[in-house]
Each structure stands twice: as structure tokens, then as C-alpha cells.
C-alpha atoms as a PDB file:
ATOM      1  CA  MET A   1      -8.962 -13.408  23.868  1.00  0.00           C
ATOM      2  CA  THR A   2      -5.434 -12.057  24.357  1.00  0.00           C
ATOM      3  CA  PRO A   3      -2.815 -14.348  22.797  1.00  0.00           C
ATOM      4  CA  PRO A   4      -0.036 -15.725  25.027  1.00  0.00           C
ATOM      5  CA  LEU A   5       3.010 -13.520  25.378  1.00  0.00           C
ATOM      6  CA  ARG A   6       5.814 -14.366  22.983  1.00  0.00           C
ATOM      7  CA  GLN A   7       9.395 -14.664  24.133  1.00  0.00           C
ATOM      8  CA  LEU A   8      11.593 -12.480  22.006  1.00  0.00           C
ATOM      9  CA  GLY A   9      15.170 -13.239  21.033  1.00  0.00           C
ATOM     10  CA  PRO A  10      17.818 -12.545  18.414  1.00  0.00           C
ATOM     11  CA  ALA A  11      16.350 -15.066  15.957  1.00  0.00           C
ATOM     12  CA  PRO A  12      12.579 -14.522  15.857  1.00  0.00           C
ATOM     13  CA  THR A  13      11.860 -17.295  13.373  1.00  0.00           C
ATOM     14  CA  SER A  14      12.991 -19.842  15.955  1.00  0.00           C
ATOM     15  CA  VAL A  15      10.285 -18.996  18.495  1.00  0.00           C
ATOM     16  CA  VAL A  16       7.600 -21.402  17.258  1.00  0.00           C
ATOM     17  CA  GLY A  17       6.857 -23.988  19.918  1.00  0.00           C
ATOM     18  CA  THR A  18       6.143 -23.752  23.638  1.00  0.00           C
ATOM     19  CA  ASP A  19       7.806 -21.779  26.395  1.00  0.00           C
ATOM     20  CA  SER A  20       8.818 -22.963  29.872  1.00  0.00           C
ATOM     21  CA  ASP A  21       5.253 -22.468  31.104  1.00  0.00           C
ATOM     22  CA  GLY A  22       3.829 -24.629  28.322  1.00  0.00           C
ATOM     23  CA  GLN A  23       2.265 -21.680  26.493  1.00  0.00           C
ATOM     24  CA  THR A  24       2.249 -21.620  22.710  1.00  0.00           C
ATOM     25  CA  ARG A  25       4.664 -19.163  21.125  1.00  0.00           C
ATOM     26  CA  LEU A  26       2.946 -17.498  18.216  1.00  0.00           C
ATOM     27  CA  PHE A  27       4.642 -16.777  14.895  1.00  0.00           C
ATOM     28  CA  THR A  28       3.905 -13.094  14.228  1.00  0.00           C
ATOM     29  CA  VAL A  29       3.312 -11.801  10.702  1.00  0.00           C
ATOM     30  CA  LEU A  30       3.369  -8.006  10.473  1.00  0.00           C
ATOM     31  CA  THR A  31       1.906  -6.287   7.406  1.00  0.00           C
ATOM     32  CA  VAL A  32       2.864  -2.690   6.691  1.00  0.00           C
ATOM     33  CA  CYS A  33       1.407   0.052   4.511  1.00  0.00           C
ATOM     34  CA  THR A  34       1.139   3.829   4.919  1.00  0.00           C
ATOM     35  CA  GLY A  35      -2.037   4.683   6.822  1.00  0.00           C
ATOM     36  CA  ASN A  36      -2.792   1.176   8.176  1.00  0.00           C
ATOM     37  CA  ILE A  37      -6.420   1.542   7.128  1.00  0.00           C
ATOM     38  CA  CYS A  38      -6.584   0.037   3.612  1.00  0.00           C
ATOM     39  CA  ARG A  39      -3.983  -2.403   2.347  1.00  0.00           C
ATOM     40  CA  SER A  40      -2.285  -3.779   5.451  1.00  0.00           C
ATOM     41  CA  PRO A  41      -5.537  -4.468   7.360  1.00  0.00           C
ATOM     42  CA  ALA A  42      -6.822  -6.368   4.323  1.00  0.00           C
ATOM     43  CA  VAL A  43      -3.705  -8.549   4.272  1.00  0.00           C
ATOM     44  CA  GLU A  44      -3.766  -9.023   8.046  1.00  0.00           C
ATOM     45  CA  ARG A  45      -7.393 -10.096   8.283  1.00  0.00           C
ATOM     46  CA  LEU A  46      -7.445 -12.153   5.082  1.00  0.00           C
ATOM     47  CA  LEU A  47      -4.331 -14.066   6.127  1.00  0.00           C
ATOM     48  CA  ALA A  48      -5.822 -14.726   9.569  1.00  0.00           C
ATOM     49  CA  ALA A  49      -9.059 -15.968   8.001  1.00  0.00           C
ATOM     50  CA  ARG A  50      -7.271 -18.306   5.606  1.00  0.00           C
ATOM     51  CA  LEU A  51      -4.877 -19.738   8.188  1.00  0.00           C
ATOM     52  CA  GLY A  52      -7.560 -20.331  10.819  1.00  0.00           C
ATOM     53  CA  ASP A  53      -7.613 -20.137  14.602  1.00  0.00           C
ATOM     54  CA  ASP A  54      -5.410 -23.207  15.046  1.00  0.00           C
ATOM     55  CA  SER A  55      -2.493 -21.924  12.981  1.00  0.00           C
ATOM     56  CA  GLN A  56      -0.288 -20.597  15.827  1.00  0.00           C
ATOM     57  CA  VAL A  57       0.157 -17.512  13.623  1.00  0.00           C
ATOM     58  CA  LEU A  58      -0.659 -14.012  14.843  1.00  0.00           C
ATOM     59  CA  ALA A  59      -1.379 -11.641  11.939  1.00  0.00           C
ATOM     60  CA  THR A  60      -0.906  -7.953  12.750  1.00  0.00           C
ATOM     61  CA  SER A  61      -0.375  -4.679  10.892  1.00  0.00           C
ATOM     62  CA  ALA A  62       0.890  -1.124  11.267  1.00  0.00           C
ATOM     63  CA  GLY A  63       1.424   1.996   9.169  1.00  0.00           C
ATOM     64  CA  THR A  64       4.467   4.111   8.392  1.00  0.00           C
ATOM     65  CA  ARG A  65       2.237   7.204   8.685  1.00  0.00           C
ATOM     66  CA  ALA A  66      -0.721   5.586  10.379  1.00  0.00           C
ATOM     67  CA  VAL A  67      -4.113   7.202  10.855  1.00  0.00           C
ATOM     68  CA  VAL A  68      -3.819   6.100  14.460  1.00  0.00           C
ATOM     69  CA  GLY A  69      -6.992   4.825  16.066  1.00  0.00           C
ATOM     70  CA  SER A  70      -8.987   4.656  12.814  1.00  0.00           C
ATOM     71  CA  PRO A  71     -10.983   1.669  11.553  1.00  0.00           C
ATOM     72  CA  VAL A  72     -10.564   0.037   8.146  1.00  0.00           C
ATOM     73  CA  SER A  73     -11.301   2.448   5.285  1.00  0.00           C
ATOM     74  CA  GLY A  74     -14.955   2.165   4.243  1.00  0.00           C
ATOM     75  CA  PRO A  75     -14.576   0.887   0.659  1.00  0.00           C
ATOM     76  CA  MET A  76     -12.249  -1.905   1.794  1.00  0.00           C
ATOM     77  CA  VAL A  77     -14.705  -3.340   4.328  1.00  0.00           C
ATOM     78  CA  PRO A  78     -17.186  -5.030   1.926  1.00  0.00           C
ATOM     79  CA  LEU A  79     -14.314  -6.471  -0.107  1.00  0.00           C
ATOM     80  CA  MET A  80     -12.859  -8.057   2.999  1.00  0.00           C
ATOM     81  CA  ARG A  81     -16.219  -9.369   4.149  1.00  0.00           C
ATOM     82  CA  ALA A  82     -17.017 -10.854   0.749  1.00  0.00           C
ATOM     83  CA  ALA A  83     -13.731 -12.776   0.979  1.00  0.00           C
ATOM     84  CA  GLY A  84     -14.593 -14.088   4.437  1.00  0.00           C
ATOM     85  CA  ALA A  85     -12.386 -11.698   6.416  1.00  0.00           C
ATOM     86  CA  SER A  86     -13.695  -9.471   9.205  1.00  0.00           C
ATOM     87  CA  ALA A  87     -12.901  -5.779   9.539  1.00  0.00           C
ATOM     88  CA  ASP A  88     -14.497  -5.619  12.996  1.00  0.00           C
ATOM     89  CA  ALA A  89     -12.674  -4.043  15.941  1.00  0.00           C
ATOM     90  CA  PHE A  90      -9.699  -2.999  13.819  1.00  0.00           C
ATOM     91  CA  VAL A  91      -7.687  -0.017  15.089  1.00  0.00           C
ATOM     92  CA  ALA A  92      -4.826   1.505  13.085  1.00  0.00           C
ATOM     93  CA  ARG A  93      -1.448   1.884  14.784  1.00  0.00           C
ATOM     94  CA  GLN A  94       1.880   3.527  14.038  1.00  0.00           C
ATOM     95  CA  LEU A  95       4.845   1.378  13.031  1.00  0.00           C
ATOM     96  CA  THR A  96       7.705   1.458  15.559  1.00  0.00           C
ATOM     97  CA  PRO A  97      11.092  -0.258  15.868  1.00  0.00           C
ATOM     98  CA  ALA A  98       9.687  -2.419  18.676  1.00  0.00           C
ATOM     99  CA  ILE A  99       6.820  -3.650  16.506  1.00  0.00           C
ATOM    100  CA  VAL A 100       9.275  -4.619  13.758  1.00  0.00           C
ATOM    101  CA  ARG A 101      11.622  -6.295  16.230  1.00  0.00           C
ATOM    102  CA  GLU A 102       8.808  -8.492  17.568  1.00  0.00           C
ATOM    103  CA  ALA A 103       7.730  -9.678  14.096  1.00  0.00           C
ATOM    104  CA  ASP A 104       8.900 -13.017  12.727  1.00  0.00           C
ATOM    105  CA  LEU A 105       7.895 -12.067   9.169  1.00  0.00           C
ATOM    106  CA  VAL A 106       7.193  -8.608   7.760  1.00  0.00           C
ATOM    107  CA  LEU A 107       5.072  -8.167   4.628  1.00  0.00           C
ATOM    108  CA  ALA A 108       5.309  -4.654   3.219  1.00  0.00           C
ATOM    109  CA  LEU A 109       2.905  -3.426   0.575  1.00  0.00           C
ATOM    110  CA  THR A 110       5.544  -1.481  -1.396  1.00  0.00           C
ATOM    111  CA  ARG A 111       9.308  -1.468  -1.703  1.00  0.00           C
ATOM    112  CA  GLN A 112       9.356   1.915   0.064  1.00  0.00           C
ATOM    113  CA  HIS A 113       7.507   0.420   3.029  1.00  0.00           C
ATOM    114  CA  ARG A 114      10.022  -2.420   3.063  1.00  0.00           C
ATOM    115  CA  SER A 115      12.877   0.094   3.154  1.00  0.00           C
ATOM    116  CA  THR A 116      11.236   1.970   6.017  1.00  0.00           C
ATOM    117  CA  VAL A 117      10.895  -1.249   8.014  1.00  0.00           C
ATOM    118  CA  VAL A 118      14.576  -2.096   7.542  1.00  0.00           C
ATOM    119  CA  ASP A 119      15.621   1.469   8.401  1.00  0.00           C
ATOM    120  CA  LEU A 120      13.730   1.173  11.681  1.00  0.00           C
ATOM    121  CA  HIS A 121      15.263  -2.199  12.529  1.00  0.00           C
ATOM    122  CA  PRO A 122      18.093  -3.273  10.194  1.00  0.00           C
ATOM    123  CA  ALA A 123      18.243  -6.786  11.681  1.00  0.00           C
ATOM    124  CA  ALA A 124      14.831  -7.481  10.104  1.00  0.00           C
ATOM    125  CA  VAL A 125      16.189  -7.302   6.555  1.00  0.00           C
ATOM    126  CA  ARG A 126      16.161 -11.065   5.883  1.00  0.00           C
ATOM    127  CA  ARG A 127      12.641 -11.512   7.181  1.00  0.00           C
ATOM    128  CA  THR A 128      11.148  -8.465   5.453  1.00  0.00           C
ATOM    129  CA  PHE A 129       9.595  -8.755   1.980  1.00  0.00           C
ATOM    130  CA  THR A 130       6.928  -7.052  -0.005  1.00  0.00           C
ATOM    131  CA  LEU A 131       3.782  -9.182  -0.096  1.00  0.00           C
ATOM    132  CA  ARG A 132       4.027  -9.779  -3.829  1.00  0.00           C
ATOM    133  CA  GLU A 133       7.759 -10.464  -3.616  1.00  0.00           C
ATOM    134  CA  LEU A 134       7.286 -13.183  -1.015  1.00  0.00           C
ATOM    135  CA  ALA A 135       4.459 -14.746  -2.995  1.00  0.00           C
ATOM    136  CA  ARG A 136       6.677 -14.807  -6.085  1.00  0.00           C
ATOM    137  CA  LEU A 137       9.601 -16.318  -4.175  1.00  0.00           C
ATOM    138  CA  ALA A 138       7.375 -18.792  -2.327  1.00  0.00           C
ATOM    139  CA  ALA A 139       6.117 -20.104  -5.656  1.00  0.00           C
ATOM    140  CA  THR A 140       9.694 -21.264  -6.391  1.00  0.00           C
ATOM    141  CA  VAL A 141      10.038 -23.149  -3.092  1.00  0.00           C
ATOM    142  CA  ASP A 142       9.466 -26.903  -3.137  1.00  0.00           C
ATOM    143  CA  PRO A 143       6.628 -27.564  -0.636  1.00  0.00           C
ATOM    144  CA  ASP A 144       8.473 -30.731   0.396  1.00  0.00           C
ATOM    145  CA  ASP A 145      11.238 -28.512   1.778  1.00  0.00           C
ATOM    146  CA  LEU A 146       8.821 -27.248   4.435  1.00  0.00           C
ATOM    147  CA  PRO A 147       8.212 -29.308   7.578  1.00  0.00           C
ATOM    148  CA  PRO A 148       4.918 -31.222   7.939  1.00  0.00           C
ATOM    149  CA  GLY A 149       3.929 -29.124  10.932  1.00  0.00           C
ATOM    150  CA  SER A 150       1.649 -26.230  11.797  1.00  0.00           C
ATOM    151  CA  PRO A 151       1.259 -23.173   9.559  1.00  0.00           C
ATOM    152  CA  ALA A 152       3.490 -21.324  12.016  1.00  0.00           C
ATOM    153  CA  GLU A 153       6.262 -23.887  11.629  1.00  0.00           C
ATOM    154  CA  ARG A 154       5.932 -23.928   7.861  1.00  0.00           C
ATOM    155  CA  LEU A 155       6.047 -20.130   7.619  1.00  0.00           C
ATOM    156  CA  ALA A 156       9.078 -20.069   9.912  1.00  0.00           C
ATOM    157  CA  ALA A 157      10.798 -22.499   7.549  1.00  0.00           C
ATOM    158  CA  LEU A 158       9.706 -20.515   4.485  1.00  0.00           C
ATOM    159  CA  VAL A 159      11.363 -17.257   5.571  1.00  0.00           C
ATOM    160  CA  PRO A 160      15.023 -18.332   5.169  1.00  0.00           C
ATOM    161  CA  LEU A 161      14.221 -20.300   2.010  1.00  0.00           C
ATOM    162  CA  ALA A 162      12.596 -17.242   0.444  1.00  0.00           C
ATOM    163  CA  ALA A 163      15.466 -15.031   1.565  1.00  0.00           C
ATOM    164  CA  ALA A 164      17.875 -17.406  -0.160  1.00  0.00           C
ATOM    165  CA  GLU A 165      15.776 -17.361  -3.329  1.00  0.00           C
ATOM    166  CA  ARG A 166      15.826 -13.559  -3.268  1.00  0.00           C
ATOM    167  CA  GLY A 167      19.578 -13.708  -3.773  1.00  0.00           C
ATOM    168  CA  ARG A 168      19.284 -15.905  -6.879  1.00  0.00           C
ATOM    169  CA  ASN A 169      18.498 -13.276  -9.494  1.00  0.00           C
ATOM    170  CA  HIS A 170      14.739 -13.154  -8.910  1.00  0.00           C
ATOM    171  CA  HIS A 171      14.446  -9.592 -10.135  1.00  0.00           C
ATOM    172  CA  ALA A 172      11.035  -7.984 -10.660  1.00  0.00           C
ATOM    173  CA  ARG A 173      10.357  -5.087 -12.953  1.00  0.00           C
ATOM    174  CA  ALA A 174      10.087  -1.703 -11.250  1.00  0.00           C
ATOM    175  CA  GLY A 175       6.711  -1.508  -9.557  1.00  0.00           C
ATOM    176  CA  ASP A 176       5.861  -5.205  -9.853  1.00  0.00           C
ATOM    177  CA  ASP A 177       6.252  -5.686  -6.112  1.00  0.00           C
ATOM    178  CA  ASP A 178       4.215  -2.623  -5.149  1.00  0.00           C
ATOM    179  CA  VAL A 179       0.511  -2.535  -4.296  1.00  0.00           C
ATOM    180  CA  ILE A 180      -0.818   0.962  -4.957  1.00  0.00           C
ATOM    181  CA  ASP A 181      -2.548   2.997  -2.266  1.00  0.00           C
ATOM    182  CA  PRO A 182      -6.309   3.139  -2.980  1.00  0.00           C
ATOM    183  CA  TYR A 183      -7.079   5.753  -0.327  1.00  0.00           C
ATOM    184  CA  ARG A 184      -9.596   8.309  -1.652  1.00  0.00           C
ATOM    185  CA  ARG A 185      -9.339   6.884  -5.162  1.00  0.00           C
ATOM    186  CA  GLY A 186     -12.760   5.293  -5.538  1.00  0.00           C
ATOM    187  CA  ASP A 187     -14.365   1.886  -5.214  1.00  0.00           C
ATOM    188  CA  ALA A 188     -12.960   0.553  -8.498  1.00  0.00           C
ATOM    189  CA  VAL A 189      -9.382   1.188  -7.357  1.00  0.00           C
ATOM    190  CA  TYR A 190     -10.080  -0.490  -4.023  1.00  0.00           C
ATOM    191  CA  ALA A 191     -11.434  -3.513  -5.882  1.00  0.00           C
ATOM    192  CA  ASP A 192      -8.349  -3.675  -8.108  1.00  0.00           C
ATOM    193  CA  VAL A 193      -6.074  -3.420  -5.086  1.00  0.00           C
ATOM    194  CA  PHE A 194      -7.908  -6.225  -3.324  1.00  0.00           C
ATOM    195  CA  LYS A 195      -7.651  -8.367  -6.453  1.00  0.00           C
ATOM    196  CA  THR A 196      -3.887  -7.817  -6.301  1.00  0.00           C
ATOM    197  CA  ILE A 197      -3.629  -8.636  -2.604  1.00  0.00           C
ATOM    198  CA  GLN A 198      -5.875 -11.683  -2.451  1.00  0.00           C
ATOM    199  CA  PRO A 199      -3.977 -14.110  -4.738  1.00  0.00           C
ATOM    200  CA  ALA A 200      -0.699 -13.417  -2.941  1.00  0.00           C
ATOM    201  CA  VAL A 201      -2.261 -14.033   0.467  1.00  0.00           C
ATOM    202  CA  GLU A 202      -4.046 -17.156  -0.780  1.00  0.00           C
ATOM    203  CA  LEU A 203      -0.789 -18.606  -2.132  1.00  0.00           C
ATOM    204  CA  LEU A 204       1.048 -18.038   1.156  1.00  0.00           C
ATOM    205  CA  ALA A 205      -1.827 -19.471   3.179  1.00  0.00           C
ATOM    206  CA  ARG A 206      -2.019 -22.588   1.013  1.00  0.00           C
ATOM    207  CA  LEU A 207       1.704 -23.147   1.375  1.00  0.00           C
ATOM    208  CA  ALA A 208       1.514 -22.589   5.133  1.00  0.00           C
ATOM    209  CA  ARG A 209      -1.341 -25.016   5.590  1.00  0.00           C
ATOM    210  CA  GLY A 210       0.225 -27.601   3.320  1.00  0.00           C
END
């Protein structure tokens, strides 16, 4: 089922709610890696599975050098399925400025991906994080500071709080925010990468669902 069209504006994190036609405005989370066949699909589908169909959150992904039209990389599929996330009907796509502009929250898998996102659309800087960075910052946010609403509303509230925390000397060691690319590196590397991704996604989903 195609989700309702979202109305775009200068402040994407304010779009949660309903439009003039009574349609739900979805809060869009964009995950970004290189090929859009390993890391970002895993984050996209795992986040969607953990938030549920009633979350008013649309999880999507794209790649900075996407293998356009490809499915999820083979070794990642059983890891996703074992965690309750589907890899079915996934198709890789290339990251564009329009895709970034339409996202309410961008989760990059490395600092370089984050830089690429901001280069494409500089206005996205305060809503663009690496996955591990946002999980680290979110862990410092008091859950009571988030509204008792839907996951979409809670994520919308989390973005500016996390951006503020980022400016308070929350410095990671070089590489701590990066999730390595497992492509063509064997099943064990894929498993390690998924073990890095999953806790970060689980933390964000728990916070979003309250």
C-alpha cells in the first residue's frame, strides 16, 4: 500500500499530524550507506519492524554510490530475517538532494556518508546524524522530555534535542560512529556489522515507542 503523500516545507520535523484532507503525514527516516544493499537496508527494515505499522514513521534508505535496482546483499538477508525484519521487495536507489530534502531524520552509516548528505542539502545538517551518533546522543535524553504521542511525534521531538546534545562536547573517538562496509567481506563480517547496527536501532525504537 502506497503511503499518503507528505507535505514538504522548510521545517520537516514539524510535519507530523494530518493535512487539510485528513491524511496522516508520515515522519520519514532516511538511512544512508554506500551501495544501499547492506547496511542501510538493514537499518531501514529493522527500524520499520521495531516501530510497527501504526508508528506514522516511514523508514527509507538510499546509497551515495548505489547499486541501483539491486536487492539486499545475500549475507545480510538471513541476519535481517532472524531479527524479524523482511528483506523482501527491496530495491536499491541512488541518494539525491530531493531524497534528503524530503527526510525528517537522516541516519548515515559513517561520518563520510553524513558529510555527503549535508553537501547535497546543507539545510539537513541539524537532522543528519550517524546511526551510532544518534543512539549515543539519544541515550543522554530524558525520555520525559519527549511527548507522550506516537513514535513519529517522539522522533520529531528527539531530533532537536539530540542536535542540542551534539553541541555539548559529546565527542566520539575517530571511527566510533562508523559502521564498516561488509560488502564482499564474508559472513562473519556481515554478522559483526549487524551486531553493531541492531543495538542502536533497538535503542531508538524503544525511545520512540516510549
